[in-house]
Amino acid sequence: MVDKKKTEVVELDGEKVKIKKGALRDMLGVPKSYKFNKTSLRRVNKTDIGKTFEFQGKRFKMTNLMKKRITLAITLMK
């Protein structure tokens, strides 16, 4: 089955970037109503790729894609 996530175009430094809406929420298993804050995302983003971390009481393994999505989320919060 193909994942048909809704995509959105965001402009960063004059360059248009296509992102999947809600992809980070799905990866971290939080509901749509959950609001991320910079502090918790920065703490998680310090985790090296391949290492495990805990977020909202759940354990995850940091992947390259997850790190990119977290970095993008922090950037878009500025």
Protein backbone atom coordinates (compact mmCIF):
# COMPACT_ATOMS: atom_id res chain seq x y z
CA MET A 1 0.00 0.00 0.00
CA VAL A 2 1.34 3.41 -0.98
CA ASP A 3 1.34 6.13 1.68
CA LYS A 4 -0.52 9.10 0.20
CA LYS A 5 0.37 11.80 2.72
CA LYS A 6 -0.71 15.33 2.01
CA THR A 7 2.29 17.35 0.85
CA GLU A 8 2.92 21.01 1.45
CA VAL A 9 5.37 23.43 -0.15
CA VAL A 10 7.45 25.55 2.24
CA GLU A 11 9.93 28.26 1.31
CA LEU A 12 13.31 28.18 3.07
CA ASP A 13 15.97 30.74 2.15
CA GLY A 14 14.23 31.45 -1.15
CA GLU A 15 14.13 27.77 -2.08
CA LYS A 16 10.85 25.85 -2.26
CA VAL A 17 10.84 22.54 -0.39
CA LYS A 18 8.12 19.86 -0.50
CA ILE A 19 7.31 18.22 2.84
CA LYS A 20 4.85 15.57 4.02
CA LYS A 21 2.42 17.12 6.46
CA GLY A 22 2.34 15.28 9.81
CA ALA A 23 5.22 12.93 8.95
CA LEU A 24 7.21 13.69 12.11
CA ARG A 25 4.11 13.21 14.26
CA ASP A 26 3.56 9.81 12.66
CA MET A 27 7.20 8.81 13.20
CA LEU A 28 7.08 9.77 16.88
CA GLY A 29 3.59 8.38 17.45
CA VAL A 30 2.00 11.53 18.85
CA PRO A 31 -1.58 12.67 18.11
CA LYS A 32 -2.36 15.50 15.69
CA SER A 33 -3.34 17.69 18.64
CA TYR A 34 0.18 17.47 20.15
CA LYS A 35 2.19 20.72 19.91
CA PHE A 36 5.96 20.30 19.60
CA ASN A 37 8.22 22.75 21.37
CA LYS A 38 11.76 23.73 20.43
CA THR A 39 13.26 22.55 23.71
CA SER A 40 12.13 18.94 23.38
CA LEU A 41 13.01 18.78 19.68
CA ARG A 42 16.50 20.23 20.29
CA ARG A 43 17.10 17.67 23.06
CA VAL A 44 16.07 14.81 20.75
CA ASN A 45 18.05 16.25 17.82
CA LYS A 46 21.30 15.91 19.82
CA THR A 47 20.95 12.11 19.54
CA ASP A 48 23.36 10.56 17.03
CA ILE A 49 22.03 8.51 14.11
CA GLY A 50 21.67 4.87 15.11
CA LYS A 51 21.33 5.60 18.85
CA THR A 52 18.12 5.21 20.81
CA PHE A 53 16.27 8.00 22.60
CA GLU A 54 13.09 8.44 24.59
CA PHE A 55 10.29 10.79 23.60
CA GLN A 56 6.98 11.00 25.46
CA GLY A 57 7.74 7.75 27.28
CA LYS A 58 8.42 5.80 24.07
CA ARG A 59 11.81 4.57 22.83
CA PHE A 60 12.92 5.28 19.26
CA LYS A 61 16.01 4.73 17.16
CA MET A 62 17.31 7.88 15.46
CA THR A 63 17.36 7.49 11.69
CA ASN A 64 18.76 9.83 9.07
CA LEU A 65 15.25 10.73 7.89
CA MET A 66 14.01 11.37 11.43
CA LYS A 67 16.98 13.66 12.13
CA LYS A 68 16.24 15.64 8.94
CA ARG A 69 12.56 16.00 9.84
CA ILE A 70 13.36 17.15 13.39
CA THR A 71 15.89 19.69 12.08
CA LEU A 72 13.33 20.99 9.59
CA ALA A 73 10.69 21.30 12.32
CA ILE A 74 13.09 23.33 14.49
CA THR A 75 13.94 25.54 11.51
CA LEU A 76 10.27 26.17 10.70
CA MET A 77 9.57 27.16 14.32
CA LYS A 78 11.94 30.15 14.08
